Amino acid sequence: MRAKLRLLAWALGLLALAHPAFGSFALDLLGIAVAMAAAAVVGVIGWALANISLTLTAVSVLLLLRAFPGVPRWFRHSWVASVAAVAPEKA
C-alpha cells in the first residue's frame, strides 16, 4: 500500500511539473487520498474501541490458541463425543 501511495505521489508530482495548471488539482487529489487513508485507520481504531469486549475476546482467543496449539483438535473431538452421546444418529 505504501509503495502504491508513493507511486501515486510521484505520478502526480510529475504531472504537476509538466502541467502547472494541474498542480493545485494534483495536491487536492493527493490530500484526498491521504485523508481517505487516515479516515480508514481512524475508523478501524474507532470500531475496535467501540467494541472493546469483542476485540479483547478475539485477541485473548488468538493468544490462547498460540499458547495451546492442541486445543482446537481437543475441542473438535470433545464436540463430536458430546454430540454422539446426545444424538448417536447425528454423529
Protein backbone atom coordinates (compact mmCIF):
# COMPACT_ATOMS: atom_id res chain seq x y z
CA MET A 1 0.00 0.00 0.00
CA ARG A 2 2.80 2.38 0.89
CA ALA A 3 4.55 1.71 -2.42
CA LYS A 4 1.35 2.45 -4.33
CA LEU A 5 0.88 5.74 -2.50
CA ARG A 6 4.49 6.67 -3.20
CA LEU A 7 3.99 5.85 -6.89
CA LEU A 8 0.81 7.92 -6.93
CA ALA A 9 2.64 10.85 -5.33
CA TRP A 10 5.45 10.68 -7.90
CA ALA A 11 2.99 10.47 -10.79
CA LEU A 12 1.02 13.44 -9.51
CA GLY A 13 4.23 15.40 -8.90
CA LEU A 14 5.46 14.78 -12.43
CA LEU A 15 2.08 15.76 -13.86
CA ALA A 16 2.17 18.95 -11.77
CA LEU A 17 5.61 19.77 -13.20
CA ALA A 18 4.51 19.01 -16.75
CA HIS A 19 1.25 20.96 -16.45
CA PRO A 20 1.46 23.83 -13.91
CA ALA A 21 -2.29 24.43 -14.06
CA PHE A 22 -2.74 20.85 -12.89
CA GLY A 23 -0.65 21.47 -9.72
CA SER A 24 -3.41 22.55 -7.37
CA PHE A 25 -5.67 19.74 -8.59
CA ALA A 26 -2.88 17.22 -8.04
CA LEU A 27 -2.32 18.45 -4.49
CA ASP A 28 -6.06 18.31 -3.83
CA LEU A 29 -6.21 14.76 -5.14
CA LEU A 30 -3.21 13.73 -3.05
CA GLY A 31 -4.76 15.36 0.02
CA ILE A 32 -8.00 13.48 -0.55
CA ALA A 33 -6.11 10.18 -0.89
CA VAL A 34 -4.20 10.80 2.36
CA ALA A 35 -7.39 11.88 4.14
CA MET A 36 -9.19 8.71 2.98
CA ALA A 37 -6.35 6.51 4.22
CA ALA A 38 -6.31 8.32 7.56
CA ALA A 39 -10.09 8.03 7.83
CA ALA A 40 -9.88 4.29 7.24
CA VAL A 41 -7.27 3.91 10.00
CA VAL A 42 -9.29 6.06 12.41
CA GLY A 43 -12.42 4.09 11.53
CA VAL A 44 -10.80 0.76 12.33
CA ILE A 45 -9.39 2.09 15.60
CA GLY A 46 -12.75 3.61 16.49
CA TRP A 47 -14.58 0.36 15.76
CA ALA A 48 -12.10 -1.60 17.88
CA LEU A 49 -12.51 0.83 20.78
CA ALA A 50 -16.31 0.88 20.47
CA ASN A 51 -16.39 -2.91 20.52
CA ILE A 52 -13.66 -3.35 23.11
CA SER A 53 -15.11 -6.51 24.65
CA LEU A 54 -15.28 -8.24 21.27
CA THR A 55 -11.78 -7.04 20.40
CA LEU A 56 -10.33 -8.23 23.70
CA THR A 57 -12.12 -11.58 23.39
CA ALA A 58 -10.74 -12.12 19.89
CA VAL A 59 -7.22 -11.19 20.99
CA SER A 60 -7.40 -13.47 24.03
CA VAL A 61 -8.61 -16.38 21.88
CA LEU A 62 -5.72 -15.84 19.47
CA LEU A 63 -3.23 -15.72 22.34
CA LEU A 64 -4.69 -18.90 23.87
CA LEU A 65 -4.54 -20.67 20.52
CA ARG A 66 -0.86 -19.73 20.22
CA ALA A 67 -0.14 -20.85 23.77
CA PHE A 68 -2.05 -24.14 23.49
CA PRO A 69 -1.95 -25.29 19.84
CA GLY A 70 -3.69 -28.66 20.54
CA VAL A 71 -6.88 -27.12 21.95
CA PRO A 72 -8.84 -26.85 18.65
CA ARG A 73 -8.26 -30.56 17.96
CA TRP A 74 -9.26 -31.46 21.53
CA PHE A 75 -12.36 -29.25 21.29
CA ARG A 76 -13.40 -30.88 17.99
CA HIS A 77 -13.03 -34.38 19.47
CA SER A 78 -14.96 -33.44 22.61
CA TRP A 79 -17.68 -31.80 20.50
CA VAL A 80 -18.10 -34.95 18.38
CA ALA A 81 -18.16 -37.11 21.51
CA SER A 82 -20.80 -34.92 23.17
CA VAL A 83 -22.99 -34.95 20.05
CA ALA A 84 -22.57 -38.74 19.85
CA ALA A 85 -23.67 -39.04 23.47
CA VAL A 86 -26.80 -36.97 22.95
CA ALA A 87 -27.79 -37.94 19.40
CA PRO A 88 -25.88 -41.01 18.12
CA GLU A 89 -27.52 -40.87 14.68
CA LYS A 90 -26.06 -37.36 14.03
CA ALA A 91 -22.53 -38.30 14.96
